[in-house]
Amino acid sequence: MSKPSRKKQQRRDKRKKSGLIRRKRFASRKSAAQQFPQIELELGDAPPPLANAIQQAIRRIRFENERLFPPDTLAVLQIARRIGFSGVRTDYRNMVRDRQQKSVTQSDLAEFMLGFDREIARILFSFLPQEVRRTYLTSSFVMVSCGVRSDDGILVQVCSL
């Protein structure tokens, strides 16, 4: 059996190299994604076009992308992945209590956690096509909740009015 020609060998090497690059890129994305909470989706009775658009928007959310999320939000989300959102609430309560020497009310905690819900919802809606928002979000709504179903997860619920 003869040796492959030089051009064939170069093409083969190029394919191997590009495959290796793709595998490394996928592995780094996967490890970065494991540092942040997982997004769970509950579609309910959402119309199929809205459900598909939301699924695609969720796939586009990359927590490791610093252009999407402020650095302090990313830091808290990484902590939430490790200790859960209940641990984040406890740490926040202790931090505020230590700084202000007063107790933290439930409304303070709710406002703190609502900030994350709003931020994730804002980014999710920015990825939805304008036509889908205009057509389906008049009869349906999307709710984002951190730490509801699982303590280290984010739940996105779609409900019709």
N, C-alpha and C. Protein backbone atom coordinates (compact mmCIF):
# COMPACT_ATOMS: atom_id res chain seq x y z
N MET A 1 0.84 -1.17 0.00
CA MET A 1 0.00 0.00 0.00
C MET A 1 0.89 1.24 0.00
N SER A 2 0.56 2.16 -0.87
CA SER A 2 1.39 3.36 -1.01
C SER A 2 0.99 4.42 0.02
N LYS A 3 1.91 5.33 0.23
CA LYS A 3 1.65 6.43 1.17
C LYS A 3 0.69 7.42 0.52
N PRO A 4 -0.15 8.08 1.34
CA PRO A 4 -1.03 9.10 0.76
C PRO A 4 -0.22 10.29 0.26
N SER A 5 -0.78 10.95 -0.71
CA SER A 5 -0.07 12.10 -1.26
C SER A 5 0.07 13.19 -0.20
N ARG A 6 0.95 14.09 -0.47
CA ARG A 6 1.21 15.17 0.50
C ARG A 6 -0.04 16.01 0.72
N LYS A 7 -0.78 16.34 -0.32
CA LYS A 7 -2.00 17.14 -0.19
C LYS A 7 -3.05 16.41 0.64
N LYS A 8 -3.22 15.12 0.40
CA LYS A 8 -4.17 14.35 1.18
C LYS A 8 -3.78 14.34 2.65
N GLN A 9 -2.50 14.17 2.90
CA GLN A 9 -2.01 14.17 4.29
C GLN A 9 -2.25 15.53 4.95
N GLN A 10 -2.05 16.61 4.23
CA GLN A 10 -2.27 17.95 4.77
C GLN A 10 -3.76 18.17 5.07
N ARG A 11 -4.63 17.72 4.16
CA ARG A 11 -6.07 17.85 4.41
C ARG A 11 -6.50 17.04 5.62
N ARG A 12 -5.96 15.82 5.73
CA ARG A 12 -6.28 14.97 6.87
C ARG A 12 -5.83 15.63 8.18
N ASP A 13 -4.63 16.18 8.17
CA ASP A 13 -4.10 16.86 9.36
C ASP A 13 -4.95 18.09 9.72
N LYS A 14 -5.38 18.80 8.69
CA LYS A 14 -6.21 19.99 8.91
C LYS A 14 -7.55 19.60 9.53
N ARG A 15 -8.16 18.52 9.03
CA ARG A 15 -9.42 18.04 9.60
C ARG A 15 -9.24 17.61 11.05
N LYS A 16 -8.16 16.90 11.34
CA LYS A 16 -7.89 16.48 12.71
C LYS A 16 -7.74 17.69 13.63
N LYS A 17 -7.00 18.67 13.15
CA LYS A 17 -6.75 19.87 13.96
C LYS A 17 -8.05 20.64 14.22
N SER A 18 -8.88 20.80 13.19
CA SER A 18 -10.14 21.52 13.38
C SER A 18 -11.09 20.74 14.28
N GLY A 19 -11.08 19.42 14.17
CA GLY A 19 -11.89 18.60 15.07
C GLY A 19 -11.44 18.73 16.51
N LEU A 20 -10.13 18.76 16.71
CA LEU A 20 -9.58 18.92 18.05
C LEU A 20 -9.96 20.29 18.62
N ILE A 21 -9.89 21.31 17.81
CA ILE A 21 -10.26 22.66 18.25
C ILE A 21 -11.74 22.70 18.64
N ARG A 22 -12.61 22.08 17.83
CA ARG A 22 -14.04 22.05 18.16
C ARG A 22 -14.29 21.32 19.47
N ARG A 23 -13.61 20.19 19.67
CA ARG A 23 -13.79 19.43 20.91
C ARG A 23 -13.31 20.22 22.12
N LYS A 24 -12.20 20.92 21.99
CA LYS A 24 -11.69 21.74 23.10
C LYS A 24 -12.65 22.89 23.41
N ARG A 25 -13.18 23.52 22.37
CA ARG A 25 -14.12 24.63 22.55
C ARG A 25 -15.38 24.13 23.25
N PHE A 26 -15.87 22.96 22.84
CA PHE A 26 -17.06 22.39 23.47
C PHE A 26 -16.79 22.05 24.94
N ALA A 27 -15.64 21.46 25.21
CA ALA A 27 -15.29 21.10 26.59
C ALA A 27 -15.17 22.35 27.47
N SER A 28 -14.60 23.43 26.94
CA SER A 28 -14.48 24.64 27.75
C SER A 28 -15.85 25.27 27.99
N ARG A 29 -16.73 25.24 26.99
CA ARG A 29 -18.10 25.74 27.17
C ARG A 29 -18.85 24.92 28.21
N LYS A 30 -18.68 23.61 28.14
CA LYS A 30 -19.37 22.73 29.07
C LYS A 30 -18.89 22.96 30.50
N SER A 31 -17.58 23.10 30.69
CA SER A 31 -17.08 23.33 32.04
C SER A 31 -17.50 24.71 32.54
N ALA A 32 -17.56 25.71 31.66
CA ALA A 32 -18.02 27.04 32.07
C ALA A 32 -19.50 27.00 32.44
N ALA A 33 -20.28 26.24 31.69
CA ALA A 33 -21.72 26.15 31.97
C ALA A 33 -21.99 25.46 33.30
N GLN A 34 -21.12 24.56 33.71
CA GLN A 34 -21.32 23.85 34.97
C GLN A 34 -21.03 24.72 36.18
N GLN A 35 -20.46 25.90 35.96
CA GLN A 35 -20.17 26.82 37.06
C GLN A 35 -21.39 27.66 37.42
N PHE A 36 -22.43 27.63 36.60
CA PHE A 36 -23.59 28.48 36.79
C PHE A 36 -24.85 27.64 36.94
N PRO A 37 -25.92 28.23 37.49
CA PRO A 37 -27.18 27.48 37.65
C PRO A 37 -27.72 26.99 36.30
N GLN A 38 -28.40 25.87 36.36
CA GLN A 38 -29.04 25.32 35.16
C GLN A 38 -30.41 25.97 35.00
N ILE A 39 -30.81 26.20 33.78
CA ILE A 39 -32.12 26.78 33.51
C ILE A 39 -33.07 25.64 33.17
N GLU A 40 -34.16 25.55 33.92
CA GLU A 40 -35.20 24.56 33.67
C GLU A 40 -36.37 25.28 33.01
N LEU A 41 -37.02 24.61 32.09
CA LEU A 41 -38.12 25.21 31.34
C LEU A 41 -39.40 24.44 31.59
N GLU A 42 -40.45 25.16 31.92
CA GLU A 42 -41.78 24.57 32.08
C GLU A 42 -42.71 25.31 31.12
N LEU A 43 -43.09 24.63 30.04
CA LEU A 43 -43.84 25.29 28.97
C LEU A 43 -45.33 25.40 29.23
N GLY A 44 -45.89 24.53 30.02
CA GLY A 44 -47.33 24.59 30.28
C GLY A 44 -48.10 24.45 28.97
N ASP A 45 -49.02 25.35 28.74
CA ASP A 45 -49.84 25.31 27.52
C ASP A 45 -49.42 26.39 26.52
N ALA A 46 -48.13 26.64 26.44
CA ALA A 46 -47.62 27.68 25.53
C ALA A 46 -47.82 27.27 24.08
N PRO A 47 -48.14 28.23 23.22
CA PRO A 47 -48.24 27.92 21.79
C PRO A 47 -46.88 27.46 21.25
N PRO A 48 -46.88 26.54 20.32
CA PRO A 48 -45.61 25.99 19.81
C PRO A 48 -44.60 27.04 19.31
N PRO A 49 -45.01 28.08 18.57
CA PRO A 49 -44.00 29.07 18.14
C PRO A 49 -43.34 29.80 19.32
N LEU A 50 -44.13 30.12 20.35
CA LEU A 50 -43.57 30.76 21.53
C LEU A 50 -42.65 29.80 22.28
N ALA A 51 -43.07 28.55 22.41
CA ALA A 51 -42.25 27.54 23.09
C ALA A 51 -40.91 27.36 22.38
N ASN A 52 -40.93 27.27 21.06
CA ASN A 52 -39.69 27.11 20.29
C ASN A 52 -38.78 28.33 20.45
N ALA A 53 -39.37 29.52 20.39
CA ALA A 53 -38.58 30.74 20.52
C ALA A 53 -37.93 30.83 21.90
N ILE A 54 -38.65 30.45 22.94
CA ILE A 54 -38.09 30.50 24.29
C ILE A 54 -37.00 29.45 24.46
N GLN A 55 -37.20 28.27 23.91
CA GLN A 55 -36.15 27.24 23.99
C GLN A 55 -34.88 27.71 23.30
N GLN A 56 -35.02 28.34 22.14
CA GLN A 56 -33.84 28.85 21.43
C GLN A 56 -33.18 29.98 22.20
N ALA A 57 -33.99 30.85 22.81
CA ALA A 57 -33.44 31.95 23.59
C ALA A 57 -32.66 31.43 24.80
N ILE A 58 -33.19 30.41 25.45
CA ILE A 58 -32.50 29.84 26.62
C ILE A 58 -31.16 29.23 26.19
N ARG A 59 -31.13 28.59 25.03
CA ARG A 59 -29.88 28.02 24.54
C ARG A 59 -28.83 29.10 24.27
N ARG A 60 -29.28 30.29 23.94
CA ARG A 60 -28.35 31.38 23.62
C ARG A 60 -27.81 32.07 24.87
N ILE A 61 -28.43 31.85 26.02
CA ILE A 61 -27.96 32.50 27.25
C ILE A 61 -26.68 31.80 27.70
N ARG A 62 -25.62 32.54 27.73
CA ARG A 62 -24.33 32.05 28.19
C ARG A 62 -23.93 32.89 29.40
N PHE A 63 -24.00 32.27 30.56
CA PHE A 63 -23.69 33.01 31.78
C PHE A 63 -22.24 33.47 31.81
N GLU A 64 -21.37 32.74 31.15
CA GLU A 64 -19.96 33.12 31.17
C GLU A 64 -19.67 34.33 30.29
N ASN A 65 -20.64 34.78 29.51
CA ASN A 65 -20.48 35.93 28.65
C ASN A 65 -20.61 37.20 29.49
N GLU A 66 -19.50 37.89 29.69
CA GLU A 66 -19.50 39.06 30.56
C GLU A 66 -20.19 40.26 29.93
N ARG A 67 -20.48 40.20 28.63
CA ARG A 67 -21.22 41.29 28.00
C ARG A 67 -22.71 41.20 28.29
N LEU A 68 -23.19 40.01 28.63
CA LEU A 68 -24.61 39.84 28.95
C LEU A 68 -24.93 40.18 30.40
N PHE A 69 -24.07 39.76 31.32
CA PHE A 69 -24.33 39.92 32.74
C PHE A 69 -23.26 40.77 33.39
N PRO A 70 -23.64 41.62 34.35
CA PRO A 70 -22.64 42.37 35.11
C PRO A 70 -21.79 41.41 35.95
N PRO A 71 -20.54 41.76 36.22
CA PRO A 71 -19.65 40.87 36.97
C PRO A 71 -20.18 40.48 38.35
N ASP A 72 -20.84 41.39 39.05
CA ASP A 72 -21.35 41.04 40.38
C ASP A 72 -22.49 40.02 40.29
N THR A 73 -23.29 40.11 39.26
CA THR A 73 -24.36 39.13 39.05
C THR A 73 -23.75 37.76 38.75
N LEU A 74 -22.73 37.74 37.91
CA LEU A 74 -22.06 36.47 37.59
C LEU A 74 -21.46 35.83 38.84
N ALA A 75 -20.86 36.65 39.70
CA ALA A 75 -20.26 36.12 40.92
C ALA A 75 -21.32 35.48 41.81
N VAL A 76 -22.46 36.15 41.96
CA VAL A 76 -23.53 35.61 42.81
C VAL A 76 -24.11 34.34 42.19
N LEU A 77 -24.25 34.31 40.86
CA LEU A 77 -24.77 33.11 40.21
C LEU A 77 -23.82 31.92 40.37
N GLN A 78 -22.51 32.18 40.35
CA GLN A 78 -21.56 31.10 40.58
C GLN A 78 -21.66 30.58 42.01
N ILE A 79 -21.83 31.50 42.95
CA ILE A 79 -22.00 31.09 44.35
C ILE A 79 -23.29 30.29 44.50
N ALA A 80 -24.35 30.73 43.82
CA ALA A 80 -25.64 30.04 43.89
C ALA A 80 -25.52 28.62 43.35
N ARG A 81 -24.70 28.42 42.34
CA ARG A 81 -24.51 27.07 41.80
C ARG A 81 -23.85 26.16 42.85
N ARG A 82 -22.92 26.73 43.62
CA ARG A 82 -22.21 25.92 44.63
C ARG A 82 -23.04 25.69 45.89
N ILE A 83 -23.68 26.76 46.41
CA ILE A 83 -24.36 26.62 47.72
C ILE A 83 -25.87 26.75 47.63
N GLY A 84 -26.39 27.06 46.44
CA GLY A 84 -27.83 27.20 46.26
C GLY A 84 -28.30 28.62 46.55
N PHE A 85 -29.47 28.93 46.06
CA PHE A 85 -30.02 30.28 46.25
C PHE A 85 -30.42 30.52 47.70
N SER A 86 -30.76 29.48 48.43
CA SER A 86 -31.07 29.67 49.86
C SER A 86 -29.80 30.08 50.60
N GLY A 87 -28.66 29.53 50.23
CA GLY A 87 -27.39 29.94 50.82
C GLY A 87 -27.03 31.37 50.46
N VAL A 88 -27.35 31.78 49.24
CA VAL A 88 -27.10 33.16 48.83
C VAL A 88 -27.96 34.11 49.67
N ARG A 89 -29.23 33.74 49.88
CA ARG A 89 -30.11 34.57 50.71
C ARG A 89 -29.54 34.71 52.13
N THR A 90 -29.10 33.60 52.69
CA THR A 90 -28.54 33.62 54.04
C THR A 90 -27.28 34.49 54.10
N ASP A 91 -26.39 34.33 53.12
CA ASP A 91 -25.18 35.15 53.08
C ASP A 91 -25.51 36.62 52.94
N TYR A 92 -26.49 36.95 52.11
CA TYR A 92 -26.89 38.34 51.93
C TYR A 92 -27.46 38.90 53.23
N ARG A 93 -28.30 38.14 53.87
CA ARG A 93 -28.89 38.56 55.14
C ARG A 93 -27.79 38.84 56.17
N ASN A 94 -26.83 37.94 56.28
CA ASN A 94 -25.74 38.12 57.24
C ASN A 94 -24.86 39.32 56.88
N MET A 95 -24.60 39.51 55.60
CA MET A 95 -23.77 40.62 55.17
C MET A 95 -24.43 41.97 55.51
N VAL A 96 -25.71 42.09 55.19
CA VAL A 96 -26.41 43.35 55.47
C VAL A 96 -26.50 43.57 56.98
N ARG A 97 -26.78 42.51 57.71
CA ARG A 97 -26.87 42.64 59.17
C ARG A 97 -25.54 43.10 59.77
N ASP A 98 -24.43 42.56 59.27
CA ASP A 98 -23.12 42.94 59.78
C ASP A 98 -22.78 44.39 59.44
N ARG A 99 -23.17 44.84 58.26
CA ARG A 99 -22.86 46.20 57.83
C ARG A 99 -23.73 47.24 58.52
N GLN A 100 -25.01 46.95 58.65
CA GLN A 100 -25.94 47.96 59.14
C GLN A 100 -26.38 47.73 60.58
N GLN A 101 -25.97 46.62 61.16
CA GLN A 101 -26.35 46.30 62.53
C GLN A 101 -27.87 46.32 62.72
N LYS A 102 -28.60 45.87 61.71
CA LYS A 102 -30.05 45.74 61.83
C LYS A 102 -30.48 44.47 61.12
N SER A 103 -31.67 44.06 61.39
CA SER A 103 -32.15 42.83 60.76
C SER A 103 -32.64 43.12 59.34
N VAL A 104 -32.59 42.10 58.53
CA VAL A 104 -33.02 42.20 57.14
C VAL A 104 -34.44 41.67 57.06
N THR A 105 -35.33 42.44 56.46
CA THR A 105 -36.72 42.02 56.35
C THR A 105 -36.89 41.08 55.15
N GLN A 106 -38.01 40.42 55.12
CA GLN A 106 -38.32 39.53 53.99
C GLN A 106 -38.43 40.33 52.70
N SER A 107 -38.92 41.56 52.77
CA SER A 107 -39.04 42.37 51.55
C SER A 107 -37.67 42.75 51.01
N ASP A 108 -36.69 42.97 51.91
CA ASP A 108 -35.32 43.24 51.46
C ASP A 108 -34.77 42.04 50.70
N LEU A 109 -34.97 40.85 51.27
CA LEU A 109 -34.49 39.63 50.61
C LEU A 109 -35.20 39.40 49.28
N ALA A 110 -36.51 39.64 49.28
CA ALA A 110 -37.27 39.44 48.04
C ALA A 110 -36.79 40.39 46.95
N GLU A 111 -36.52 41.63 47.31
CA GLU A 111 -36.03 42.60 46.33
C GLU A 111 -34.66 42.22 45.81
N PHE A 112 -33.80 41.71 46.68
CA PHE A 112 -32.47 41.25 46.28
C PHE A 112 -32.58 40.11 45.27
N MET A 113 -33.40 39.11 45.57
CA MET A 113 -33.54 37.96 44.68
C MET A 113 -34.28 38.33 43.40
N LEU A 114 -35.22 39.25 43.50
CA LEU A 114 -35.97 39.69 42.32
C LEU A 114 -35.06 40.34 41.30
N GLY A 115 -33.98 40.94 41.75
CA GLY A 115 -33.02 41.54 40.83
C GLY A 115 -32.44 40.51 39.87
N PHE A 116 -32.15 39.32 40.36
CA PHE A 116 -31.61 38.26 39.49
C PHE A 116 -32.67 37.77 38.53
N ASP A 117 -33.88 37.60 39.03
CA ASP A 117 -34.99 37.17 38.16
C ASP A 117 -35.17 38.16 37.02
N ARG A 118 -35.18 39.44 37.36
CA ARG A 118 -35.37 40.49 36.34
C ARG A 118 -34.23 40.49 35.33
N GLU A 119 -33.01 40.36 35.80
CA GLU A 119 -31.85 40.40 34.90
C GLU A 119 -31.90 39.24 33.91
N ILE A 120 -32.20 38.05 34.38
CA ILE A 120 -32.26 36.89 33.50
C ILE A 120 -33.45 37.02 32.54
N ALA A 121 -34.59 37.52 33.04
CA ALA A 121 -35.76 37.72 32.18
C ALA A 121 -35.46 38.76 31.10
N ARG A 122 -34.76 39.83 31.47
CA ARG A 122 -34.41 40.88 30.49
C ARG A 122 -33.58 40.30 29.35
N ILE A 123 -32.60 39.47 29.69
CA ILE A 123 -31.75 38.88 28.67
C ILE A 123 -32.53 37.86 27.83
N LEU A 124 -33.37 37.08 28.49
CA LEU A 124 -34.20 36.11 27.77
C LEU A 124 -35.09 36.82 26.75
N PHE A 125 -35.74 37.90 27.17
CA PHE A 125 -36.62 38.63 26.26
C PHE A 125 -35.84 39.30 25.13
N SER A 126 -34.60 39.70 25.40
CA SER A 126 -33.82 40.33 24.34
C SER A 126 -33.49 39.33 23.23
N PHE A 127 -33.48 38.04 23.55
CA PHE A 127 -33.20 37.02 22.55
C PHE A 127 -34.46 36.56 21.81
N LEU A 128 -35.63 36.94 22.29
CA LEU A 128 -36.87 36.56 21.60
C LEU A 128 -37.09 37.48 20.40
N PRO A 129 -37.49 36.93 19.26
CA PRO A 129 -37.77 37.78 18.10
C PRO A 129 -38.92 38.74 18.39
N GLN A 130 -38.83 39.93 17.82
CA GLN A 130 -39.84 40.97 18.03
C GLN A 130 -41.24 40.48 17.66
N GLU A 131 -41.34 39.73 16.57
CA GLU A 131 -42.65 39.25 16.11
C GLU A 131 -43.27 38.29 17.12
N VAL A 132 -42.46 37.43 17.71
CA VAL A 132 -42.95 36.48 18.71
C VAL A 132 -43.43 37.23 19.94
N ARG A 133 -42.65 38.22 20.37
CA ARG A 133 -43.07 39.01 21.55
C ARG A 133 -44.39 39.72 21.28
N ARG A 134 -44.50 40.31 20.12
CA ARG A 134 -45.70 41.08 19.79
C ARG A 134 -46.92 40.17 19.66
N THR A 135 -46.74 38.99 19.08
CA THR A 135 -47.86 38.10 18.80
C THR A 135 -48.30 37.32 20.03
N TYR A 136 -47.36 36.72 20.74
CA TYR A 136 -47.74 35.75 21.77
C TYR A 136 -47.68 36.27 23.21
N LEU A 137 -46.92 37.30 23.47
CA LEU A 137 -46.83 37.75 24.85
C LEU A 137 -47.96 38.68 25.24
N THR A 138 -48.94 38.83 24.36
CA THR A 138 -50.17 39.52 24.75
C THR A 138 -51.15 38.56 25.40
N SER A 139 -51.02 37.27 25.09
CA SER A 139 -51.93 36.27 25.67
C SER A 139 -51.19 35.27 26.57
N SER A 140 -49.89 35.40 26.68
CA SER A 140 -49.08 34.52 27.53
C SER A 140 -48.08 35.37 28.28
N PHE A 141 -47.55 34.80 29.35
CA PHE A 141 -46.48 35.50 30.05
C PHE A 141 -45.41 34.51 30.46
N VAL A 142 -44.22 35.04 30.66
CA VAL A 142 -43.06 34.23 31.03
C VAL A 142 -42.59 34.70 32.39
N MET A 143 -42.39 33.74 33.29
CA MET A 143 -41.96 34.07 34.64
C MET A 143 -40.62 33.37 34.91
N VAL A 144 -39.66 34.12 35.43
CA VAL A 144 -38.34 33.59 35.76
C VAL A 144 -38.19 33.60 37.27
N SER A 145 -37.81 32.46 37.85
CA SER A 145 -37.67 32.35 39.30
C SER A 145 -36.39 31.60 39.62
N CYS A 146 -35.60 32.16 40.51
CA CYS A 146 -34.34 31.52 40.92
C CYS A 146 -34.57 30.70 42.18
N GLY A 147 -34.10 29.47 42.17
CA GLY A 147 -34.13 28.62 43.34
C GLY A 147 -35.49 28.11 43.74
N VAL A 148 -36.40 27.95 42.79
CA VAL A 148 -37.76 27.50 43.12
C VAL A 148 -37.85 25.98 43.12
N ARG A 149 -37.69 25.37 41.97
CA ARG A 149 -37.83 23.92 41.87
C ARG A 149 -36.61 23.20 42.45
N SER A 150 -35.43 23.64 42.08
CA SER A 150 -34.20 23.14 42.69
C SER A 150 -33.44 24.34 43.23
N ASP A 151 -32.77 24.16 44.34
CA ASP A 151 -32.14 25.28 45.02
C ASP A 151 -31.04 25.94 44.20
N ASP A 152 -30.42 25.19 43.30
CA ASP A 152 -29.35 25.77 42.50
C ASP A 152 -29.76 25.91 41.03
N GLY A 153 -31.05 26.04 40.76
CA GLY A 153 -31.54 26.15 39.40
C GLY A 153 -32.39 27.38 39.18
N ILE A 154 -32.62 27.69 37.92
CA ILE A 154 -33.48 28.80 37.52
C ILE A 154 -34.63 28.22 36.74
N LEU A 155 -35.84 28.56 37.15
CA LEU A 155 -37.04 28.04 36.50
C LEU A 155 -37.65 29.11 35.61
N VAL A 156 -37.89 28.76 34.36
CA VAL A 156 -38.58 29.63 33.41
C VAL A 156 -39.91 28.98 33.11
N GLN A 157 -41.00 29.66 33.49
CA GLN A 157 -42.35 29.13 33.29
C GLN A 157 -43.08 29.98 32.25
N VAL A 158 -43.78 29.30 31.35
CA VAL A 158 -44.59 29.99 30.34
C VAL A 158 -46.04 29.63 30.63
N CYS A 159 -46.86 30.63 30.85
CA CYS A 159 -48.28 30.43 31.15
C CYS A 159 -49.13 31.29 30.23
N SER A 160 -50.30 30.80 29.90
CA SER A 160 -51.21 31.62 29.10
C SER A 160 -52.20 32.31 30.03
N LEU A 161 -52.66 33.45 29.60
CA LEU A 161 -53.58 34.23 30.43
C LEU A 161 -54.99 33.71 30.31
